Protein backbone atom coordinates (compact mmCIF):
# COMPACT_ATOMS: atom_id res chain seq x y z
CA UNK A 1 0.00 -0.05 -0.04
CA UNK A 2 1.19 3.52 -0.76
CA UNK A 3 -0.05 6.67 1.02
CA UNK A 4 0.40 9.59 -1.42
CA UNK A 5 0.93 9.16 -5.19
CA UNK A 6 2.66 12.19 -6.84
CA UNK A 7 1.71 13.16 -10.60
CA UNK A 8 4.11 15.38 -12.54
CA UNK A 9 5.93 15.98 -15.81
CA UNK A 10 8.90 13.90 -16.29
CA UNK A 11 10.78 17.18 -17.20
CA UNK A 12 10.22 18.58 -13.55
CA UNK A 13 11.45 15.53 -11.89
CA UNK A 14 14.60 17.35 -10.24
CA UNK A 15 12.19 20.10 -8.82
CA UNK A 16 9.57 17.78 -7.66
CA UNK A 17 12.28 15.57 -5.73
CA UNK A 18 12.51 17.90 -2.91
CA UNK A 19 8.50 18.00 -2.50
CA UNK A 20 8.57 14.20 -2.42
CA UNK A 21 11.48 14.14 0.24
CA UNK A 22 9.24 16.50 2.28
CA UNK A 23 6.45 14.10 2.29
CA UNK A 24 8.43 11.02 2.91
CA UNK A 25 10.25 13.22 6.04
CA UNK A 26 6.99 13.30 7.70
CA UNK A 27 6.57 9.55 7.32
CA UNK A 28 4.31 9.15 4.71
CA UNK A 29 5.15 6.54 1.69
CA UNK A 30 5.40 7.92 -1.53
CA UNK A 31 4.97 6.52 -5.12
CA UNK A 32 6.24 9.23 -7.47
CA UNK A 33 7.19 7.11 -10.61
CA UNK A 34 11.00 7.91 -10.68
CA UNK A 35 11.99 5.55 -13.04
CA UNK A 36 9.45 5.98 -15.88
CA UNK A 37 10.25 7.87 -18.60
CA UNK A 38 8.25 10.75 -20.46
CA UNK A 39 6.98 8.24 -23.23
CA UNK A 40 5.87 5.42 -20.87
CA UNK A 41 2.12 4.51 -20.70
CA UNK A 42 -0.56 4.55 -18.03
CA UNK A 43 0.10 0.96 -17.46
CA UNK A 44 -0.91 -1.33 -14.79
CA UNK A 45 1.68 -0.23 -12.20
CA UNK A 46 0.58 3.20 -12.33
CA UNK A 47 -3.15 2.56 -11.93
CA UNK A 48 -2.42 0.10 -9.08
CA UNK A 49 -0.44 2.70 -7.33
CA UNK A 50 -3.28 5.28 -7.99
CA UNK A 51 -6.13 2.83 -6.76
CA UNK A 52 -4.11 2.33 -3.54
CA UNK A 53 -3.02 5.66 -2.67
CA UNK A 54 -5.00 7.62 0.06
CA UNK A 55 -3.90 10.92 -1.52
CA UNK A 56 -2.99 12.01 -4.92
CA UNK A 57 -0.68 15.37 -5.30
CA UNK A 58 -0.63 16.90 -8.54
CA UNK A 59 2.16 18.92 -9.30
CA UNK A 60 1.32 21.85 -12.07
CA UNK A 61 3.72 23.52 -14.03
CA UNK A 62 4.01 24.71 -17.66
CA UNK A 63 5.21 21.31 -18.77
CA UNK A 64 2.35 19.29 -16.67
CA UNK A 65 -0.62 21.15 -17.65
CA UNK A 66 0.17 19.97 -21.31
CA UNK A 67 0.59 16.34 -20.42
CA UNK A 68 -2.23 14.03 -21.02
CA UNK A 69 -0.59 11.52 -18.76
CA UNK A 70 -0.67 14.04 -15.76
CA UNK A 71 -4.41 15.19 -16.52
CA UNK A 72 -5.35 11.61 -16.60
CA UNK A 73 -3.80 10.96 -13.10
CA UNK A 74 -5.12 13.93 -11.64
CA UNK A 75 -8.64 13.37 -12.95
CA UNK A 76 -8.46 9.88 -10.90
CA UNK A 77 -7.80 12.04 -7.85
CA UNK A 78 -10.54 14.52 -8.88
CA UNK A 79 -13.04 11.70 -9.15
CA UNK A 80 -11.95 9.74 -6.04
CA UNK A 81 -11.94 13.17 -4.02
CA UNK A 82 -8.56 12.95 -2.67
CA UNK A 83 -6.60 15.31 -5.00
CA UNK A 84 -4.29 17.65 -3.65
CA UNK A 85 -2.93 20.35 -6.22
CA UNK A 86 0.37 22.12 -6.12
CA UNK A 87 1.92 24.81 -8.49
CA UNK A 88 5.55 24.95 -8.79
CA UNK A 89 5.23 27.86 -11.31
CA UNK A 90 2.75 30.65 -12.07
CA UNK A 91 0.37 28.63 -14.47
CA UNK A 92 -3.50 28.03 -14.87
CA UNK A 93 -4.15 24.44 -14.18
CA UNK A 94 -6.51 22.78 -16.83
CA UNK A 95 -10.34 23.88 -16.80
CA UNK A 96 -11.51 20.67 -14.89
CA UNK A 97 -9.10 21.77 -11.87
CA UNK A 98 -9.70 25.47 -11.50
CA UNK A 99 -12.48 24.76 -8.76
CA UNK A 100 -10.00 23.42 -6.39
CA UNK A 101 -7.68 25.38 -4.04
CA UNK A 102 -3.98 25.00 -5.47
CA UNK A 103 -1.20 25.34 -2.92
CA UNK A 104 1.34 27.74 -4.04
CA UNK A 105 4.84 25.87 -4.17
CA UNK A 106 6.81 28.90 -3.77
CA UNK A 107 5.15 30.31 -0.78
CA UNK A 108 6.91 30.24 2.73
CA UNK A 109 4.32 28.02 4.17
CA UNK A 110 3.85 25.58 1.21
CA UNK A 111 5.27 22.45 2.87
CA UNK A 112 2.85 23.13 6.09
CA UNK A 113 0.06 23.77 3.70
CA UNK A 114 0.83 20.62 1.72
CA UNK A 115 1.24 18.53 4.83
CA UNK A 116 -2.04 19.85 6.24
CA UNK A 117 -3.89 18.96 3.00
CA UNK A 118 -2.59 15.52 3.20
CA UNK A 119 -3.46 15.13 6.76
CA UNK A 120 -7.14 15.83 6.17
CA UNK A 121 -7.17 12.55 3.72
CA UNK A 122 -5.24 10.46 5.97
CA UNK A 123 -3.49 10.83 9.56
CA UNK A 124 -0.01 12.16 9.91
CA UNK A 125 2.24 9.00 10.84
CA UNK A 126 3.76 8.64 14.18
CA UNK A 127 7.32 8.12 14.62
CA UNK A 128 6.81 4.42 14.96
CA UNK A 129 4.49 4.12 11.88
CA UNK A 130 5.59 2.51 8.71
CA UNK A 131 8.33 -0.28 8.08
CA UNK A 132 10.33 -0.87 11.21
CA UNK A 133 13.93 0.40 10.87
CA UNK A 134 16.10 -2.74 12.28
CA UNK A 135 19.71 -3.48 12.45
CA UNK A 136 20.76 0.10 12.63
CA UNK A 137 20.84 0.72 16.37
CA UNK A 138 24.41 1.93 15.87
CA UNK A 139 23.74 4.38 13.50
CA UNK A 140 20.95 5.73 15.44
CA UNK A 141 23.06 6.49 18.39
CA UNK A 142 25.67 8.00 16.18
CA UNK A 143 23.08 10.31 14.59
CA UNK A 144 21.76 11.34 17.87
CA UNK A 145 25.02 12.13 19.20
CA UNK A 146 25.96 14.29 16.11
CA UNK A 147 22.87 16.07 16.00
CA UNK A 148 23.34 16.81 19.90
CA UNK A 149 27.06 18.03 19.42
CA UNK A 150 25.81 20.36 16.26
CA UNK A 151 23.36 22.00 18.62
CA UNK A 152 26.02 22.76 21.13
CA UNK A 153 28.08 24.35 18.02
CA UNK A 154 30.26 21.42 17.40
CA UNK A 155 29.80 21.00 13.52
CA UNK A 156 30.44 17.76 11.55
CA UNK A 157 30.27 15.89 8.25
CA UNK A 158 28.58 12.37 8.42
CA UNK A 159 28.12 10.09 5.48
CA UNK A 160 25.97 6.97 5.14
CA UNK A 161 27.10 4.75 2.40
CA UNK A 162 26.83 1.25 0.84
CA UNK A 163 25.24 -0.33 -2.13
CA UNK A 164 22.07 0.65 -3.90
CA UNK A 165 18.92 -0.34 -1.86
CA UNK A 166 20.68 -0.77 1.48
CA UNK A 167 18.85 1.88 3.32
CA UNK A 168 20.78 4.94 2.92
CA UNK A 169 17.85 7.22 2.11
CA UNK A 170 15.73 5.77 4.97
CA UNK A 171 18.74 6.42 7.33
CA UNK A 172 19.04 10.05 6.00
CA UNK A 173 15.08 10.32 6.47
CA UNK A 174 15.33 9.03 9.85
CA UNK A 175 18.29 11.66 10.60
CA UNK A 176 16.28 14.41 9.20
CA UNK A 177 13.37 13.35 11.69
CA UNK A 178 15.78 13.34 14.79
CA UNK A 179 17.09 16.68 13.82
CA UNK A 180 13.62 18.04 13.38
CA UNK A 181 12.53 16.99 16.93
CA UNK A 182 15.64 18.75 18.25
CA UNK A 183 14.55 22.02 16.45
CA UNK A 184 17.27 21.70 13.83
CA UNK A 185 16.36 23.17 10.27
CA UNK A 186 16.86 20.61 7.71
CA UNK A 187 17.73 21.80 3.95
CA UNK A 188 18.14 18.95 1.58
CA UNK A 189 19.87 19.07 -1.94
CA UNK A 190 20.66 16.46 -4.67
CA UNK A 191 23.47 15.71 -7.10
CA UNK A 192 22.00 14.77 -10.32
CA UNK A 193 23.09 12.32 -12.73
CA UNK A 194 22.37 14.60 -15.65
CA UNK A 195 25.30 15.06 -18.19
CA UNK A 196 25.88 18.81 -17.42
CA UNK A 197 24.42 19.64 -13.92
CA UNK A 198 24.74 23.00 -12.73
CA UNK A 199 27.69 23.75 -10.59
CA UNK A 200 26.96 23.63 -6.77
CA UNK A 201 23.57 21.90 -7.69
CA UNK A 202 22.90 20.53 -4.05
CA UNK A 203 23.59 24.03 -2.57
CA UNK A 204 21.19 25.73 -4.91
CA UNK A 205 18.52 23.23 -3.85
CA UNK A 206 19.20 24.15 -0.29
CA UNK A 207 19.15 27.91 -0.81
CA UNK A 208 15.79 27.81 -2.79
CA UNK A 209 14.42 25.70 0.08
CA UNK A 210 15.58 28.17 2.86
CA UNK A 211 14.02 31.25 0.73
CA UNK A 212 10.57 29.34 0.49
CA UNK A 213 10.72 28.55 4.37
CA UNK A 214 11.70 32.12 5.74
CA UNK A 215 10.27 34.27 3.22
CA UNK A 216 12.13 37.27 1.14
CA UNK A 217 12.51 39.75 4.00
CA UNK A 218 14.29 37.29 6.38
CA UNK A 219 16.22 35.67 3.45
CA UNK A 220 17.71 38.99 2.57
CA UNK A 221 18.68 39.37 6.31
CA UNK A 222 20.23 35.83 6.28
CA UNK A 223 22.26 36.63 2.96
CA UNK A 224 23.59 39.83 4.63
CA UNK A 225 26.65 41.18 3.22
CA UNK A 226 27.34 37.80 1.49
CA UNK A 227 24.32 38.56 -0.83
CA UNK A 228 26.89 39.26 -3.75
CA UNK A 229 28.42 35.86 -3.67
CA UNK A 230 25.13 34.02 -3.56
CA UNK A 231 23.95 36.06 -6.38
CA UNK A 232 26.93 34.77 -8.52
CA UNK A 233 25.42 31.25 -7.79
CA UNK A 234 21.82 32.35 -8.47
CA UNK A 235 21.42 35.36 -10.92
CA UNK A 236 17.71 35.53 -10.26
CA UNK A 237 18.64 37.00 -6.62
CA UNK A 238 19.56 40.18 -8.38
CA UNK A 239 15.76 40.64 -9.70
CA UNK A 240 14.46 39.77 -6.41
CA UNK A 241 16.69 42.16 -4.36
CA UNK A 242 17.72 45.33 -6.01
CA UNK A 243 20.23 46.22 -3.34
CA UNK A 244 22.62 43.50 -3.78
CA UNK A 245 26.13 45.14 -5.05
CA UNK A 246 27.60 43.63 -8.20
CA UNK A 247 30.18 40.92 -8.06
CA UNK A 248 33.57 41.90 -8.19
CA UNK A 249 36.00 40.91 -11.16
CA UNK A 250 38.71 38.65 -9.62
CA UNK A 251 41.26 35.93 -10.86
CA UNK A 252 39.81 32.48 -11.07
CA UNK A 253 41.44 31.00 -7.90
CA UNK A 254 40.91 34.21 -5.71
CA UNK A 255 37.35 34.26 -7.09
CA UNK A 256 36.67 30.63 -5.74
CA UNK A 257 37.96 31.38 -2.39
CA UNK A 258 35.79 34.61 -2.32
CA UNK A 259 32.97 32.61 -3.27
CA UNK A 260 33.64 29.62 -0.79
CA UNK A 261 34.09 31.98 2.01
CA UNK A 262 30.60 33.77 1.26
CA UNK A 263 28.90 30.71 1.19
CA UNK A 264 30.45 29.23 4.80
CA UNK A 265 29.58 32.89 6.05
CA UNK A 266 25.95 32.62 4.83
CA UNK A 267 25.59 29.13 6.24
CA UNK A 268 27.10 30.04 9.68
CA UNK A 269 24.78 33.31 9.86
CA UNK A 270 21.58 31.08 9.31
CA UNK A 271 22.95 28.28 11.90
CA UNK A 272 23.16 31.33 14.42
CA UNK A 273 19.57 31.68 14.01
CA UNK A 274 18.50 28.00 14.16
CA UNK A 275 20.96 24.88 14.03
CA UNK A 276 21.13 23.54 10.61
CA UNK A 277 21.52 20.18 8.86
CA UNK A 278 22.44 20.30 5.17
CA UNK A 279 21.70 17.06 3.39
CA UNK A 280 23.73 16.11 0.25
CA UNK A 281 22.35 13.01 -1.47
CA UNK A 282 24.27 10.81 -3.95
CA UNK A 283 27.50 12.13 -3.66
CA UNK A 284 28.98 9.74 -5.68
CA UNK A 285 27.39 11.69 -8.69
CA UNK A 286 28.83 15.04 -7.21
CA UNK A 287 30.84 17.25 -9.44
CA UNK A 288 34.03 19.01 -8.93
CA UNK A 289 32.43 22.08 -7.62
CA UNK A 290 30.11 20.31 -5.10
CA UNK A 291 33.01 18.36 -3.76
CA UNK A 292 35.10 21.45 -3.23
CA UNK A 293 32.25 23.03 -1.49
CA UNK A 294 31.84 20.16 0.91
CA UNK A 295 35.54 19.92 1.76
CA UNK A 296 35.42 23.67 2.54
CA UNK A 297 32.57 23.42 4.57
CA UNK A 298 33.56 20.63 6.70
CA UNK A 299 36.59 22.43 7.80
CA UNK A 300 35.13 25.81 8.15
CA UNK A 301 31.97 24.83 9.87
CA UNK A 302 33.60 22.61 12.68
CA UNK A 303 32.78 25.27 15.43
CA UNK A 304 29.18 26.30 14.21
CA UNK A 305 25.79 24.45 14.97
CA UNK A 306 25.81 22.91 11.53
CA UNK A 307 25.68 19.06 10.60
CA UNK A 308 26.55 17.94 7.16
CA UNK A 309 24.80 14.90 5.92
CA UNK A 310 25.67 12.81 2.80
CA UNK A 311 24.69 9.66 1.16
CA UNK A 312 26.85 7.81 -1.71
CA UNK A 313 26.89 4.50 -3.22
CA UNK A 314 30.28 2.92 -2.44
CA UNK A 315 30.03 0.76 -5.45
CA UNK A 316 29.40 3.34 -7.74
CA UNK A 317 32.53 5.42 -6.46
CA UNK A 318 35.50 6.18 -8.71
CA UNK A 319 38.53 6.54 -6.78
CA UNK A 320 39.90 9.22 -9.23
CA UNK A 321 36.52 10.90 -9.74
CA UNK A 322 35.72 14.10 -8.03
CA UNK A 323 34.01 12.93 -4.63
CA UNK A 324 36.74 9.90 -4.54
CA UNK A 325 39.50 12.25 -4.05
CA UNK A 326 37.86 14.46 -1.73
CA UNK A 327 36.66 11.60 0.33
CA UNK A 328 40.16 10.43 0.58
CA UNK A 329 41.17 13.88 1.82
CA UNK A 330 38.37 14.18 4.35
CA UNK A 331 39.20 10.63 5.78
CA UNK A 332 42.93 11.41 6.22
CA UNK A 333 42.12 14.74 7.90
CA UNK A 334 39.49 13.06 10.27
CA UNK A 335 36.86 15.51 9.14
CA UNK A 336 34.13 12.87 8.46
CA UNK A 337 32.45 10.00 10.00
CA UNK A 338 31.49 7.60 7.32
CA UNK A 339 28.79 4.96 8.43
CA UNK A 340 28.84 2.11 5.85
CA UNK A 341 25.36 0.38 5.88
CA UNK A 342 25.39 -3.25 5.49
CA UNK A 343 22.82 -5.67 4.24
CA UNK A 344 20.41 -6.94 6.96
CA UNK A 345 21.16 -10.61 8.27
CA UNK A 346 19.10 -13.51 9.05
CA UNK A 347 18.22 -12.45 12.58
CA UNK A 348 17.52 -8.91 11.73
CA UNK A 349 15.05 -10.01 9.00
CA UNK A 350 13.20 -12.18 11.33
CA UNK A 351 13.06 -9.16 13.70
CA UNK A 352 11.87 -6.90 10.75
CA UNK A 353 8.97 -9.34 9.88
CA UNK A 354 7.96 -10.10 13.46
CA UNK A 355 7.49 -6.27 14.16
CA UNK A 356 5.92 -5.74 10.96
CA UNK A 357 3.46 -8.56 11.24
CA UNK A 358 3.34 -9.70 14.88
CA UNK A 359 4.37 -13.29 14.39
CA UNK A 360 7.46 -15.54 13.68
CA UNK A 361 7.81 -15.83 9.84
CA UNK A 362 8.62 -19.15 8.30
CA UNK A 363 12.18 -20.03 7.86
CA UNK A 364 11.58 -20.48 4.16
CA UNK A 365 10.44 -16.90 3.75
CA UNK A 366 13.30 -15.68 5.69
CA UNK A 367 15.72 -17.34 3.55
CA UNK A 368 14.09 -16.00 0.33
CA UNK A 369 14.18 -12.47 1.49
CA UNK A 370 17.89 -13.05 2.40
CA UNK A 371 18.79 -14.49 -0.65
CA UNK A 372 17.10 -11.85 -2.73
CA UNK A 373 18.21 -8.91 -0.78
């Protein structure tokens, strides 16, 4: 069973990822068709997920309003009375959906509004709901300790590594939940597998997320004297704020130091208002700019209330690649705690099934799950 089905244009996948993460962080299970390309058909798998979902979130954009696929999925939600529309761009929804109140995805309270709308259709999960998280006691202790130290002003970098499907994303979501309980602000960013992703992509997502959460005025205050550096990364800031000074002309190496220093100052200033957790997902895909930034922040923010959290697939890590090189440096200089996640063993699988279903599982089932995972 799935709680929430998210319908969107495949062209908006990277923009929708953050929204999905926010829903998952609350504890809902989400089906969002990550692997299905733009030319896929409305097949039985999608139909089954829509039938099971208690809520259908449709993400309207210039791309999705033109998509017959998205319109069909949204119409199912309209018919069932469980549709929650969100607009990530200024766009008019198709005629049939204009009677519904659409959440402005750019508004500071967008996440709260989305969660509230979903909660009207199904209860917000409690901390113990969902598939039990077993075999990770050591990791939970380390996360809790790292969050506590960060709140005291002892910043750190923590990584979750392992093969695909071993539970890195789940551990990240648990870390985010622990952080939120401790009143730590969580900002998430992803490293794209696109051929030419924009430089510093995870950071750009984190900055955009912060802007949506705090609003324009508070965002300008947090940028402070480092608005010039941030506007170099995000030129659209110059249109939002007319008082940002022009970016200076500097030699390449000096410009990089200027930029990194400005970003670190911006993060530290924000953490002085509320402790921060910055999440960098899929670091095995990270480009040179993101790796240099991560290395700089890990050193610069050691005495700030900031916890850096990252995930990577060690099976896809290239030793000579950007992140492979930076990871070696971080490890050598003891600037990182790398928690390598292993597959569950047979006793842990038994515990998982007992906690989920309330009875001892057949040995054959345990062996089947162990052999397949």
